[in-house]
């Protein structure tokens, strides 16, 4: 006969295992691309547009049109630098701000990861 104490211990062990397992799952909304997409929407879409084509609401007031990120041939490393340091630092548009004081290096990497998904599948 199984004791009540054994059943309670077993139930507690199984419940604990379930809780521990669930804390290590990767949630779909917590991937680098998803985090980068959220940051892009918050900080970049105003100029670059929600699809990254350079047609954001503030694009028309820029001296230099924002880059169309869907056709950019720049490397991810270059994109990391321009997001971190800003356009003027790299000899590009001074309208592109430096985000190093706003976003962490990890957040900047997430944004670049997201931007890479904006390219058409045929050019990836």
PDB file of N, CA and C in Angstrom:
ATOM      1  N   UNK A   1       0.841  -1.176   0.000  1.00  0.00           N
ATOM      2  CA  UNK A   1       0.000   0.000   0.000  1.00  0.00           C
ATOM      3  C   UNK A   1       0.892   1.245   0.000  1.00  0.00           C
ATOM      4  N   UNK A   2       0.549   2.241  -0.842  1.00  0.00           N
ATOM      5  CA  UNK A   2       1.326   3.475  -0.946  1.00  0.00           C
ATOM      6  C   UNK A   2       0.845   4.440   0.127  1.00  0.00           C
ATOM      7  N   UNK A   3       1.809   5.007   0.837  1.00  0.00           N
ATOM      8  CA  UNK A   3       1.441   5.928   1.921  1.00  0.00           C
ATOM      9  C   UNK A   3       1.091   7.308   1.365  1.00  0.00           C
ATOM     10  N   UNK A   4       0.312   8.042   2.125  1.00  0.00           N
ATOM     11  CA  UNK A   4      -0.068   9.409   1.773  1.00  0.00           C
ATOM     12  C   UNK A   4       1.176  10.284   1.725  1.00  0.00           C
ATOM     13  N   UNK A   5       2.096  10.023   2.625  1.00  0.00           N
ATOM     14  CA  UNK A   5       3.336  10.797   2.683  1.00  0.00           C
ATOM     15  C   UNK A   5       4.143  10.626   1.395  1.00  0.00           C
ATOM     16  N   UNK A   6       4.220   9.394   0.875  1.00  0.00           N
ATOM     17  CA  UNK A   6       4.928   9.120  -0.358  1.00  0.00           C
ATOM     18  C   UNK A   6       4.271   9.833  -1.538  1.00  0.00           C
ATOM     19  N   UNK A   7       2.962   9.792  -1.606  1.00  0.00           N
ATOM     20  CA  UNK A   7       2.221  10.443  -2.695  1.00  0.00           C
ATOM     21  C   UNK A   7       2.454  11.953  -2.658  1.00  0.00           C
ATOM     22  N   UNK A   8       2.406  12.537  -1.463  1.00  0.00           N
ATOM     23  CA  UNK A   8       2.655  13.980  -1.331  1.00  0.00           C
ATOM     24  C   UNK A   8       4.081  14.320  -1.765  1.00  0.00           C
ATOM     25  N   UNK A   9       5.048  13.522  -1.361  1.00  0.00           N
ATOM     26  CA  UNK A   9       6.446  13.763  -1.743  1.00  0.00           C
ATOM     27  C   UNK A   9       6.623  13.651  -3.244  1.00  0.00           C
ATOM     28  N   UNK A  10       6.012  12.648  -3.825  1.00  0.00           N
ATOM     29  CA  UNK A  10       6.092  12.459  -5.266  1.00  0.00           C
ATOM     30  C   UNK A  10       5.444  13.627  -6.006  1.00  0.00           C
ATOM     31  N   UNK A  11       4.284  14.056  -5.555  1.00  0.00           N
ATOM     32  CA  UNK A  11       3.591  15.187  -6.185  1.00  0.00           C
ATOM     33  C   UNK A  11       4.429  16.460  -6.083  1.00  0.00           C
ATOM     34  N   UNK A  12       5.032  16.682  -4.923  1.00  0.00           N
ATOM     35  CA  UNK A  12       5.879  17.860  -4.731  1.00  0.00           C
ATOM     36  C   UNK A  12       7.101  17.801  -5.648  1.00  0.00           C
ATOM     37  N   UNK A  13       7.715  16.634  -5.762  1.00  0.00           N
ATOM     38  CA  UNK A  13       8.886  16.471  -6.623  1.00  0.00           C
ATOM     39  C   UNK A  13       8.525  16.718  -8.085  1.00  0.00           C
ATOM     40  N   UNK A  14       7.401  16.167  -8.536  1.00  0.00           N
ATOM     41  CA  UNK A  14       6.983  16.366  -9.923  1.00  0.00           C
ATOM     42  C   UNK A  14       6.631  17.818 -10.196  1.00  0.00           C
ATOM     43  N   UNK A  15       5.962  18.466  -9.256  1.00  0.00           N
ATOM     44  CA  UNK A  15       5.611  19.879  -9.426  1.00  0.00           C
ATOM     45  C   UNK A  15       6.871  20.735  -9.471  1.00  0.00           C
ATOM     46  N   UNK A  16       7.827  20.438  -8.607  1.00  0.00           N
ATOM     47  CA  UNK A  16       9.081  21.200  -8.602  1.00  0.00           C
ATOM     48  C   UNK A  16       9.834  21.020  -9.907  1.00  0.00           C
ATOM     49  N   UNK A  17       9.871  19.818 -10.416  1.00  0.00           N
ATOM     50  CA  UNK A  17      10.558  19.548 -11.678  1.00  0.00           C
ATOM     51  C   UNK A  17       9.905  20.325 -12.814  1.00  0.00           C
ATOM     52  N   UNK A  18       8.587  20.392 -12.811  1.00  0.00           N
ATOM     53  CA  UNK A  18       7.866  21.153 -13.831  1.00  0.00           C
ATOM     54  C   UNK A  18       8.171  22.628 -13.767  1.00  0.00           C
ATOM     55  N   UNK A  19       8.247  23.175 -12.574  1.00  0.00           N
ATOM     56  CA  UNK A  19       8.564  24.590 -12.401  1.00  0.00           C
ATOM     57  C   UNK A  19       9.976  24.875 -12.856  1.00  0.00           C
ATOM     58  N   UNK A  20      10.923  24.030 -12.469  1.00  0.00           N
ATOM     59  CA  UNK A  20      12.310  24.237 -12.871  1.00  0.00           C
ATOM     60  C   UNK A  20      12.467  24.123 -14.379  1.00  0.00           C
ATOM     61  N   UNK A  21      11.791  23.155 -14.977  1.00  0.00           N
ATOM     62  CA  UNK A  21      11.895  22.993 -16.421  1.00  0.00           C
ATOM     63  C   UNK A  21      11.331  24.211 -17.143  1.00  0.00           C
ATOM     64  N   UNK A  22      10.242  24.759 -16.643  1.00  0.00           N
ATOM     65  CA  UNK A  22       9.609  25.870 -17.343  1.00  0.00           C
ATOM     66  C   UNK A  22      10.419  27.156 -17.258  1.00  0.00           C
ATOM     67  N   UNK A  23      11.282  27.291 -16.253  1.00  0.00           N
ATOM     68  CA  UNK A  23      12.072  28.514 -16.150  1.00  0.00           C
ATOM     69  C   UNK A  23      13.210  28.534 -17.161  1.00  0.00           C
ATOM     70  N   UNK A  24      13.508  27.411 -17.799  1.00  0.00           N
ATOM     71  CA  UNK A  24      14.601  27.354 -18.758  1.00  0.00           C
ATOM     72  C   UNK A  24      14.121  27.273 -20.196  1.00  0.00           C
ATOM     73  N   UNK A  25      12.819  27.345 -20.406  1.00  0.00           N
ATOM     74  CA  UNK A  25      12.295  27.317 -21.755  1.00  0.00           C
ATOM     75  C   UNK A  25      12.580  28.650 -22.441  1.00  0.00           C
ATOM     76  N   UNK A  26      12.788  28.589 -23.734  1.00  0.00           N
ATOM     77  CA  UNK A  26      12.939  29.813 -24.515  1.00  0.00           C
ATOM     78  C   UNK A  26      11.550  30.177 -25.020  1.00  0.00           C
ATOM     79  N   UNK A  27      11.050  31.303 -24.550  1.00  0.00           N
ATOM     80  CA  UNK A  27       9.740  31.751 -24.998  1.00  0.00           C
ATOM     81  C   UNK A  27       9.903  32.379 -26.380  1.00  0.00           C
ATOM     82  N   UNK A  28       8.961  32.131 -27.284  1.00  0.00           N
ATOM     83  CA  UNK A  28       9.066  32.687 -28.638  1.00  0.00           C
ATOM     84  C   UNK A  28       9.171  34.212 -28.642  1.00  0.00           C
ATOM     85  N   UNK A  29       8.565  34.876 -27.681  1.00  0.00           N
ATOM     86  CA  UNK A  29       8.598  36.329 -27.644  1.00  0.00           C
ATOM     87  C   UNK A  29       9.868  36.870 -27.004  1.00  0.00           C
ATOM     88  N   UNK A  30      10.782  35.992 -26.613  1.00  0.00           N
ATOM     89  CA  UNK A  30      11.999  36.439 -25.945  1.00  0.00           C
ATOM     90  C   UNK A  30      13.249  36.054 -26.730  1.00  0.00           C
ATOM     91  N   UNK A  31      13.094  35.895 -28.028  1.00  0.00           N
ATOM     92  CA  UNK A  31      14.250  35.607 -28.874  1.00  0.00           C
ATOM     93  C   UNK A  31      14.956  36.921 -29.207  1.00  0.00           C
ATOM     94  N   UNK A  32      16.217  36.867 -29.618  1.00  0.00           N
ATOM     95  CA  UNK A  32      16.897  38.103 -30.014  1.00  0.00           C
ATOM     96  C   UNK A  32      16.136  38.870 -31.107  1.00  0.00           C
ATOM     97  N   UNK A  33      15.583  38.139 -32.074  1.00  0.00           N
ATOM     98  CA  UNK A  33      14.851  38.788 -33.155  1.00  0.00           C
ATOM     99  C   UNK A  33      13.596  39.478 -32.636  1.00  0.00           C
ATOM    100  N   UNK A  34      12.863  38.829 -31.738  1.00  0.00           N
ATOM    101  CA  UNK A  34      11.648  39.437 -31.182  1.00  0.00           C
ATOM    102  C   UNK A  34      11.994  40.651 -30.328  1.00  0.00           C
ATOM    103  N   UNK A  35      13.024  40.522 -29.505  1.00  0.00           N
ATOM    104  CA  UNK A  35      13.439  41.672 -28.686  1.00  0.00           C
ATOM    105  C   UNK A  35      13.900  42.815 -29.583  1.00  0.00           C
ATOM    106  N   UNK A  36      14.668  42.479 -30.618  1.00  0.00           N
ATOM    107  CA  UNK A  36      15.138  43.495 -31.561  1.00  0.00           C
ATOM    108  C   UNK A  36      13.996  44.162 -32.297  1.00  0.00           C
ATOM    109  N   UNK A  37      12.975  43.386 -32.642  1.00  0.00           N
ATOM    110  CA  UNK A  37      11.803  43.955 -33.312  1.00  0.00           C
ATOM    111  C   UNK A  37      11.083  44.962 -32.433  1.00  0.00           C
ATOM    112  N   UNK A  38      10.968  44.635 -31.158  1.00  0.00           N
ATOM    113  CA  UNK A  38      10.314  45.563 -30.225  1.00  0.00           C
ATOM    114  C   UNK A  38      11.129  46.846 -30.081  1.00  0.00           C
ATOM    115  N   UNK A  39      12.450  46.706 -29.993  1.00  0.00           N
ATOM    116  CA  UNK A  39      13.319  47.884 -29.894  1.00  0.00           C
ATOM    117  C   UNK A  39      13.286  48.692 -31.189  1.00  0.00           C
ATOM    118  N   UNK A  40      13.288  48.015 -32.324  1.00  0.00           N
ATOM    119  CA  UNK A  40      13.219  48.696 -33.614  1.00  0.00           C
ATOM    120  C   UNK A  40      11.936  49.523 -33.689  1.00  0.00           C
ATOM    121  N   UNK A  41      10.829  48.924 -33.294  1.00  0.00           N
ATOM    122  CA  UNK A  41       9.544  49.646 -33.313  1.00  0.00           C
ATOM    123  C   UNK A  41       9.595  50.890 -32.450  1.00  0.00           C
ATOM    124  N   UNK A  42      10.251  50.782 -31.317  1.00  0.00           N
ATOM    125  CA  UNK A  42      10.304  51.897 -30.369  1.00  0.00           C
ATOM    126  C   UNK A  42      11.276  52.990 -30.800  1.00  0.00           C
ATOM    127  N   UNK A  43      12.443  52.624 -31.300  1.00  0.00           N
ATOM    128  CA  UNK A  43      13.504  53.603 -31.542  1.00  0.00           C
ATOM    129  C   UNK A  43      13.805  53.895 -33.014  1.00  0.00           C
ATOM    130  N   UNK A  44      13.496  52.985 -33.906  1.00  0.00           N
ATOM    131  CA  UNK A  44      13.967  53.123 -35.289  1.00  0.00           C
ATOM    132  C   UNK A  44      12.858  53.372 -36.311  1.00  0.00           C
ATOM    133  N   UNK A  45      11.676  52.844 -36.053  1.00  0.00           N
ATOM    134  CA  UNK A  45      10.602  52.893 -37.044  1.00  0.00           C
ATOM    135  C   UNK A  45      10.145  54.311 -37.364  1.00  0.00           C
ATOM    136  N   UNK A  46      10.317  55.241 -36.456  1.00  0.00           N
ATOM    137  CA  UNK A  46       9.901  56.611 -36.713  1.00  0.00           C
ATOM    138  C   UNK A  46      10.569  57.145 -37.989  1.00  0.00           C
ATOM    139  N   UNK A  47      11.817  56.811 -38.188  1.00  0.00           N
ATOM    140  CA  UNK A  47      12.526  57.250 -39.391  1.00  0.00           C
ATOM    141  C   UNK A  47      12.570  56.162 -40.468  1.00  0.00           C
ATOM    142  N   UNK A  48      12.933  54.940 -40.074  1.00  0.00           N
ATOM    143  CA  UNK A  48      13.124  53.861 -41.045  1.00  0.00           C
ATOM    144  C   UNK A  48      11.827  53.194 -41.472  1.00  0.00           C
ATOM    145  N   UNK A  49      10.723  53.464 -40.780  1.00  0.00           N
ATOM    146  CA  UNK A  49       9.444  52.840 -41.097  1.00  0.00           C
ATOM    147  C   UNK A  49       9.321  51.474 -40.464  1.00  0.00           C
ATOM    148  N   UNK A  50       8.095  51.033 -40.287  1.00  0.00           N
ATOM    149  CA  UNK A  50       7.879  49.756 -39.599  1.00  0.00           C
ATOM    150  C   UNK A  50       8.472  48.580 -40.365  1.00  0.00           C
ATOM    151  N   UNK A  51       8.546  48.686 -41.684  1.00  0.00           N
ATOM    152  CA  UNK A  51       9.137  47.616 -42.491  1.00  0.00           C
ATOM    153  C   UNK A  51      10.589  47.849 -42.840  1.00  0.00           C
ATOM    154  N   UNK A  52      11.156  48.967 -42.351  1.00  0.00           N
ATOM    155  CA  UNK A  52      12.568  49.251 -42.578  1.00  0.00           C
ATOM    156  C   UNK A  52      12.897  49.834 -43.935  1.00  0.00           C
ATOM    157  N   UNK A  53      11.893  50.300 -44.685  1.00  0.00           N
ATOM    158  CA  UNK A  53      12.140  50.793 -46.041  1.00  0.00           C
ATOM    159  C   UNK A  53      12.511  52.276 -46.100  1.00  0.00           C
ATOM    160  N   UNK A  54      12.650  52.912 -44.954  1.00  0.00           N
ATOM    161  CA  UNK A  54      13.050  54.323 -44.927  1.00  0.00           C
ATOM    162  C   UNK A  54      11.893  55.286 -45.063  1.00  0.00           C
ATOM    163  N   UNK A  55      10.692  54.788 -44.855  1.00  0.00           N
ATOM    164  CA  UNK A  55       9.499  55.615 -45.062  1.00  0.00           C
ATOM    165  C   UNK A  55       8.742  55.922 -43.772  1.00  0.00           C
ATOM    166  N   UNK A  56       9.465  56.054 -42.679  1.00  0.00           N
ATOM    167  CA  UNK A  56       8.817  56.361 -41.400  1.00  0.00           C
ATOM    168  C   UNK A  56       8.203  57.750 -41.393  1.00  0.00           C
ATOM    169  N   UNK A  57       7.386  58.030 -40.394  1.00  0.00           N
ATOM    170  CA  UNK A  57       6.684  59.319 -40.290  1.00  0.00           C
ATOM    171  C   UNK A  57       7.648  60.499 -40.265  1.00  0.00           C
ATOM    172  N   UNK A  58       8.834  60.332 -39.715  1.00  0.00           N
ATOM    173  CA  UNK A  58       9.798  61.429 -39.626  1.00  0.00           C
ATOM    174  C   UNK A  58      10.772  61.460 -40.806  1.00  0.00           C
ATOM    175  N   UNK A  59      10.651  60.537 -41.725  1.00  0.00           N
ATOM    176  CA  UNK A  59      11.589  60.472 -42.849  1.00  0.00           C
ATOM    177  C   UNK A  59      11.565  61.741 -43.689  1.00  0.00           C
ATOM    178  N   UNK A  60      10.392  62.318 -43.876  1.00  0.00           N
ATOM    179  CA  UNK A  60      10.274  63.477 -44.757  1.00  0.00           C
ATOM    180  C   UNK A  60      10.912  64.744 -44.194  1.00  0.00           C
ATOM    181  N   UNK A  61      11.193  64.768 -42.916  1.00  0.00           N
ATOM    182  CA  UNK A  61      11.804  65.959 -42.322  1.00  0.00           C
ATOM    183  C   UNK A  61      13.312  65.813 -42.154  1.00  0.00           C
ATOM    184  N   UNK A  62      13.865  64.705 -42.605  1.00  0.00           N
ATOM    185  CA  UNK A  62      15.303  64.478 -42.513  1.00  0.00           C
ATOM    186  C   UNK A  62      16.012  65.136 -43.699  1.00  0.00           C
ATOM    187  N   UNK A  63      17.198  65.669 -43.475  1.00  0.00           N
ATOM    188  CA  UNK A  63      17.997  66.237 -44.570  1.00  0.00           C
ATOM    189  C   UNK A  63      18.404  65.145 -45.551  1.00  0.00           C
ATOM    190  N   UNK A  64      18.736  63.987 -44.995  1.00  0.00           N
ATOM    191  CA  UNK A  64      19.103  62.819 -45.799  1.00  0.00           C
ATOM    192  C   UNK A  64      18.078  61.732 -45.495  1.00  0.00           C
ATOM    193  N   UNK A  65      17.533  61.142 -46.541  1.00  0.00           N
ATOM    194  CA  UNK A  65      16.532  60.097 -46.331  1.00  0.00           C
ATOM    195  C   UNK A  65      17.117  58.939 -45.533  1.00  0.00           C
ATOM    196  N   UNK A  66      16.356  58.395 -44.588  1.00  0.00           N
ATOM    197  CA  UNK A  66      16.825  57.222 -43.841  1.00  0.00           C
ATOM    198  C   UNK A  66      17.064  56.046 -44.786  1.00  0.00           C
ATOM    199  N   UNK A  67      18.014  55.228 -44.427  1.00  0.00           N
ATOM    200  CA  UNK A  67      18.365  54.074 -45.257  1.00  0.00           C
ATOM    201  C   UNK A  67      17.193  53.106 -45.381  1.00  0.00           C
ATOM    202  N   UNK A  68      17.081  52.514 -46.554  1.00  0.00           N
ATOM    203  CA  UNK A  68      16.148  51.413 -46.776  1.00  0.00           C
ATOM    204  C   UNK A  68      16.885  50.160 -46.330  1.00  0.00           C
ATOM    205  N   UNK A  69      16.554  49.685 -45.165  1.00  0.00           N
ATOM    206  CA  UNK A  69      17.277  48.565 -44.564  1.00  0.00           C
ATOM    207  C   UNK A  69      16.968  47.237 -45.240  1.00  0.00           C
ATOM    208  N   UNK A  70      15.919  47.199 -46.054  1.00  0.00           N
ATOM    209  CA  UNK A  70      15.566  45.953 -46.732  1.00  0.00           C
ATOM    210  C   UNK A  70      16.495  45.653 -47.897  1.00  0.00           C
ATOM    211  N   UNK A  71      17.230  46.661 -48.357  1.00  0.00           N
ATOM    212  CA  UNK A  71      18.157  46.461 -49.480  1.00  0.00           C
ATOM    213  C   UNK A  71      19.598  46.771 -49.102  1.00  0.00           C
ATOM    214  N   UNK A  72      19.842  47.020 -47.837  1.00  0.00           N
ATOM    215  CA  UNK A  72      21.183  47.357 -47.381  1.00  0.00           C
ATOM    216  C   UNK A  72      22.141  46.191 -47.609  1.00  0.00           C
ATOM    217  N   UNK A  73      23.311  46.523 -48.135  1.00  0.00           N
ATOM    218  CA  UNK A  73      24.337  45.504 -48.351  1.00  0.00           C
ATOM    219  C   UNK A  73      25.414  45.572 -47.273  1.00  0.00           C
ATOM    220  N   UNK A  74      25.205  46.421 -46.280  1.00  0.00           N
ATOM    221  CA  UNK A  74      26.177  46.567 -45.189  1.00  0.00           C
ATOM    222  C   UNK A  74      26.191  45.310 -44.333  1.00  0.00           C
ATOM    223  N   UNK A  75      27.349  45.000 -43.783  1.00  0.00           N
ATOM    224  CA  UNK A  75      27.510  43.811 -42.948  1.00  0.00           C
ATOM    225  C   UNK A  75      26.848  44.030 -41.590  1.00  0.00           C
ATOM    226  N   UNK A  76      26.517  42.945 -40.889  1.00  0.00           N
ATOM    227  CA  UNK A  76      25.994  43.098 -39.532  1.00  0.00           C
ATOM    228  C   UNK A  76      26.965  43.861 -38.619  1.00  0.00           C
ATOM    229  N   UNK A  77      28.271  43.675 -38.820  1.00  0.00           N
ATOM    230  CA  UNK A  77      29.255  44.392 -38.014  1.00  0.00           C
ATOM    231  C   UNK A  77      29.167  45.898 -38.230  1.00  0.00           C
ATOM    232  N   UNK A  78      29.002  46.301 -39.481  1.00  0.00           N
ATOM    233  CA  UNK A  78      28.847  47.715 -39.792  1.00  0.00           C
ATOM    234  C   UNK A  78      27.566  48.251 -39.154  1.00  0.00           C
ATOM    235  N   UNK A  79      26.499  47.476 -39.249  1.00  0.00           N
ATOM    236  CA  UNK A  79      25.216  47.904 -38.665  1.00  0.00           C
ATOM    237  C   UNK A  79      25.335  48.059 -37.153  1.00  0.00           C
ATOM    238  N   UNK A  80      26.077  47.165 -36.512  1.00  0.00           N
ATOM    239  CA  UNK A  80      26.315  47.315 -35.072  1.00  0.00           C
ATOM    240  C   UNK A  80      26.994  48.647 -34.777  1.00  0.00           C
ATOM    241  N   UNK A  81      28.000  48.980 -35.595  1.00  0.00           N
ATOM    242  CA  UNK A  81      28.745  50.228 -35.373  1.00  0.00           C
ATOM    243  C   UNK A  81      27.872  51.455 -35.602  1.00  0.00           C
ATOM    244  N   UNK A  82      27.082  51.461 -36.672  1.00  0.00           N
ATOM    245  CA  UNK A  82      26.305  52.662 -36.974  1.00  0.00           C
ATOM    246  C   UNK A  82      25.183  52.867 -35.962  1.00  0.00           C
ATOM    247  N   UNK A  83      24.602  51.773 -35.482  1.00  0.00           N
ATOM    248  CA  UNK A  83      23.574  51.913 -34.443  1.00  0.00           C
ATOM    249  C   UNK A  83      24.227  52.409 -33.158  1.00  0.00           C
ATOM    250  N   UNK A  84      25.364  51.852 -32.806  1.00  0.00           N
ATOM    251  CA  UNK A  84      26.052  52.241 -31.573  1.00  0.00           C
ATOM    252  C   UNK A  84      26.603  53.665 -31.652  1.00  0.00           C
ATOM    253  N   UNK A  85      27.300  53.997 -32.735  1.00  0.00           N
ATOM    254  CA  UNK A  85      28.042  55.255 -32.822  1.00  0.00           C
ATOM    255  C   UNK A  85      27.308  56.382 -33.540  1.00  0.00           C
ATOM    256  N   UNK A  86      26.308  56.055 -34.346  1.00  0.00           N
ATOM    257  CA  UNK A  86      25.583  57.072 -35.098  1.00  0.00           C
ATOM    258  C   UNK A  86      26.172  57.290 -36.474  1.00  0.00           C
ATOM    259  N   UNK A  87      25.388  57.922 -37.332  1.00  0.00           N
ATOM    260  CA  UNK A  87      25.798  58.121 -38.709  1.00  0.00           C
ATOM    261  C   UNK A  87      26.999  59.033 -38.882  1.00  0.00           C
ATOM    262  N   UNK A  88      27.018  60.148 -38.164  1.00  0.00           N
ATOM    263  CA  UNK A  88      28.102  61.124 -38.329  1.00  0.00           C
ATOM    264  C   UNK A  88      29.460  60.508 -38.021  1.00  0.00           C
ATOM    265  N   UNK A  89      29.516  59.650 -37.041  1.00  0.00           N
ATOM    266  CA  UNK A  89      30.773  59.007 -36.634  1.00  0.00           C
ATOM    267  C   UNK A  89      31.350  58.133 -37.750  1.00  0.00           C
ATOM    268  N   UNK A  90      30.479  57.646 -38.623  1.00  0.00           N
ATOM    269  CA  UNK A  90      30.920  56.767 -39.713  1.00  0.00           C
ATOM    270  C   UNK A  90      30.862  57.473 -41.066  1.00  0.00           C
ATOM    271  N   UNK A  91      30.779  58.798 -41.041  1.00  0.00           N
ATOM    272  CA  UNK A  91      30.754  59.543 -42.292  1.00  0.00           C
ATOM    273  C   UNK A  91      29.438  59.454 -43.029  1.00  0.00           C
ATOM    274  N   UNK A  92      28.390  59.119 -42.322  1.00  0.00           N
ATOM    275  CA  UNK A  92      27.059  59.023 -42.919  1.00  0.00           C
ATOM    276  C   UNK A  92      26.202  60.158 -42.365  1.00  0.00           C
ATOM    277  N   UNK A  93      24.924  60.071 -42.516  1.00  0.00           N
ATOM    278  CA  UNK A  93      24.007  61.131 -42.106  1.00  0.00           C
ATOM    279  C   UNK A  93      24.062  61.405 -40.606  1.00  0.00           C
ATOM    280  N   UNK A  94      24.142  62.682 -40.271  1.00  0.00           N
ATOM    281  CA  UNK A  94      24.122  63.061 -38.850  1.00  0.00           C
ATOM    282  C   UNK A  94      22.720  62.918 -38.263  1.00  0.00           C
ATOM    283  N   UNK A  95      21.738  62.663 -39.096  1.00  0.00           N
ATOM    284  CA  UNK A  95      20.372  62.430 -38.607  1.00  0.00           C
ATOM    285  C   UNK A  95      20.252  61.066 -37.917  1.00  0.00           C
ATOM    286  N   UNK A  96      21.178  60.160 -38.230  1.00  0.00           N
ATOM    287  CA  UNK A  96      21.175  58.844 -37.585  1.00  0.00           C
ATOM    288  C   UNK A  96      21.868  58.999 -36.237  1.00  0.00           C
ATOM    289  N   UNK A  97      21.078  58.911 -35.144  1.00  0.00           N
ATOM    290  CA  UNK A  97      21.668  59.135 -33.817  1.00  0.00           C
ATOM    291  C   UNK A  97      22.506  57.956 -33.341  1.00  0.00           C
ATOM    292  N   UNK A  98      23.382  58.240 -32.407  1.00  0.00           N
ATOM    293  CA  UNK A  98      24.135  57.188 -31.706  1.00  0.00           C
ATOM    294  C   UNK A  98      23.236  56.674 -30.583  1.00  0.00           C
ATOM    295  N   UNK A  99      23.093  55.368 -30.497  1.00  0.00           N
ATOM    296  CA  UNK A  99      22.211  54.773 -29.491  1.00  0.00           C
ATOM    297  C   UNK A  99      22.982  54.171 -28.316  1.00  0.00           C
ATOM    298  N   UNK A 100      24.307  54.334 -28.280  1.00  0.00           N
ATOM    299  CA  UNK A 100      25.128  53.708 -27.241  1.00  0.00           C
ATOM    300  C   UNK A 100      24.760  54.135 -25.826  1.00  0.00           C
ATOM    301  N   UNK A 101      24.222  55.338 -25.662  1.00  0.00           N
ATOM    302  CA  UNK A 101      23.849  55.800 -24.323  1.00  0.00           C
ATOM    303  C   UNK A 101      22.409  55.448 -23.961  1.00  0.00           C
ATOM    304  N   UNK A 102      21.684  54.873 -24.922  1.00  0.00           N
ATOM    305  CA  UNK A 102      20.283  54.508 -24.701  1.00  0.00           C
ATOM    306  C   UNK A 102      20.126  52.992 -24.641  1.00  0.00           C
ATOM    307  N   UNK A 103      20.805  52.305 -25.555  1.00  0.00           N
ATOM    308  CA  UNK A 103      20.687  50.853 -25.660  1.00  0.00           C
ATOM    309  C   UNK A 103      21.984  50.177 -25.242  1.00  0.00           C
ATOM    310  N   UNK A 104      21.859  49.031 -24.612  1.00  0.00           N
ATOM    311  CA  UNK A 104      23.043  48.240 -24.255  1.00  0.00           C
ATOM    312  C   UNK A 104      23.596  47.579 -25.518  1.00  0.00           C
ATOM    313  N   UNK A 105      24.814  47.058 -25.432  1.00  0.00           N
ATOM    314  CA  UNK A 105      25.388  46.344 -26.571  1.00  0.00           C
ATOM    315  C   UNK A 105      24.522  45.147 -26.960  1.00  0.00           C
ATOM    316  N   UNK A 106      23.963  44.466 -25.982  1.00  0.00           N
ATOM    317  CA  UNK A 106      23.082  43.315 -26.263  1.00  0.00           C
ATOM    318  C   UNK A 106      21.819  43.770 -26.988  1.00  0.00           C
ATOM    319  N   UNK A 107      21.261  44.899 -26.580  1.00  0.00           N
ATOM    320  CA  UNK A 107      20.064  45.409 -27.248  1.00  0.00           C
ATOM    321  C   UNK A 107      20.380  45.844 -28.677  1.00  0.00           C
ATOM    322  N   UNK A 108      21.524  46.467 -28.868  1.00  0.00           N
ATOM    323  CA  UNK A 108      21.939  46.866 -30.217  1.00  0.00           C
ATOM    324  C   UNK A 108      22.106  45.618 -31.088  1.00  0.00           C
ATOM    325  N   UNK A 109      22.697  44.582 -30.544  1.00  0.00           N
ATOM    326  CA  UNK A 109      22.846  43.319 -31.291  1.00  0.00           C
ATOM    327  C   UNK A 109      21.481  42.740 -31.644  1.00  0.00           C
ATOM    328  N   UNK A 110      20.525  42.836 -30.737  1.00  0.00           N
ATOM    329  CA  UNK A 110      19.170  42.344 -31.016  1.00  0.00           C
ATOM    330  C   UNK A 110      18.522  43.146 -32.145  1.00  0.00           C
ATOM    331  N   UNK A 111      18.720  44.462 -32.146  1.00  0.00           N
ATOM    332  CA  UNK A 111      18.172  45.302 -33.216  1.00  0.00           C
ATOM    333  C   UNK A 111      18.771  44.878 -34.560  1.00  0.00           C
ATOM    334  N   UNK A 112      20.071  44.690 -34.600  1.00  0.00           N
ATOM    335  CA  UNK A 112      20.723  44.287 -35.848  1.00  0.00           C
ATOM    336  C   UNK A 112      20.222  42.909 -36.280  1.00  0.00           C
ATOM    337  N   UNK A 113      20.041  42.014 -35.333  1.00  0.00           N
ATOM    338  CA  UNK A 113      19.497  40.688 -35.656  1.00  0.00           C
ATOM    339  C   UNK A 113      18.124  40.832 -36.315  1.00  0.00           C
ATOM    340  N   UNK A 114      17.306  41.715 -35.769  1.00  0.00           N
ATOM    341  CA  UNK A 114      15.985  41.954 -36.351  1.00  0.00           C
ATOM    342  C   UNK A 114      16.104  42.580 -37.739  1.00  0.00           C
ATOM    343  N   UNK A 115      16.957  43.576 -37.887  1.00  0.00           N
ATOM    344  CA  UNK A 115      17.122  44.262 -39.171  1.00  0.00           C
ATOM    345  C   UNK A 115      17.516  43.262 -40.259  1.00  0.00           C
ATOM    346  N   UNK A 116      18.314  42.288 -39.905  1.00  0.00           N
ATOM    347  CA  UNK A 116      18.712  41.260 -40.887  1.00  0.00           C
ATOM    348  C   UNK A 116      17.513  40.481 -41.412  1.00  0.00           C
ATOM    349  N   UNK A 117      16.432  40.404 -40.640  1.00  0.00           N
ATOM    350  CA  UNK A 117      15.238  39.681 -41.088  1.00  0.00           C
ATOM    351  C   UNK A 117      14.401  40.508 -42.056  1.00  0.00           C
ATOM    352  N   UNK A 118      14.693  41.793 -42.216  1.00  0.00           N
ATOM    353  CA  UNK A 118      13.913  42.661 -43.084  1.00  0.00           C
ATOM    354  C   UNK A 118      14.263  42.484 -44.563  1.00  0.00           C
ATOM    355  N   UNK A 119      15.403  41.884 -44.834  1.00  0.00           N
ATOM    356  CA  UNK A 119      15.809  41.668 -46.215  1.00  0.00           C
ATOM    357  C   UNK A 119      14.894  40.616 -46.866  1.00  0.00           C
ATOM    358  N   UNK A 120      14.580  40.780 -48.146  1.00  0.00           N
ATOM    359  CA  UNK A 120      13.813  39.732 -48.826  1.00  0.00           C
ATOM    360  C   UNK A 120      14.573  38.409 -48.776  1.00  0.00           C
ATOM    361  N   UNK A 121      13.840  37.325 -48.742  1.00  0.00           N
ATOM    362  CA  UNK A 121      14.456  35.993 -48.612  1.00  0.00           C
ATOM    363  C   UNK A 121      15.483  35.731 -49.711  1.00  0.00           C
ATOM    364  N   UNK A 122      15.275  36.253 -50.894  1.00  0.00           N
ATOM    365  CA  UNK A 122      16.198  35.991 -52.004  1.00  0.00           C
ATOM    366  C   UNK A 122      17.551  36.673 -51.849  1.00  0.00           C
ATOM    367  N   UNK A 123      17.640  37.683 -50.968  1.00  0.00           N
ATOM    368  CA  UNK A 123      18.917  38.401 -50.822  1.00  0.00           C
ATOM    369  C   UNK A 123      19.643  38.064 -49.527  1.00  0.00           C
ATOM    370  N   UNK A 124      19.124  37.120 -48.758  1.00  0.00           N
ATOM    371  CA  UNK A 124      19.771  36.761 -47.478  1.00  0.00           C
ATOM    372  C   UNK A 124      20.910  35.813 -47.698  1.00  0.00           C
TER     373      UNK A 124
END
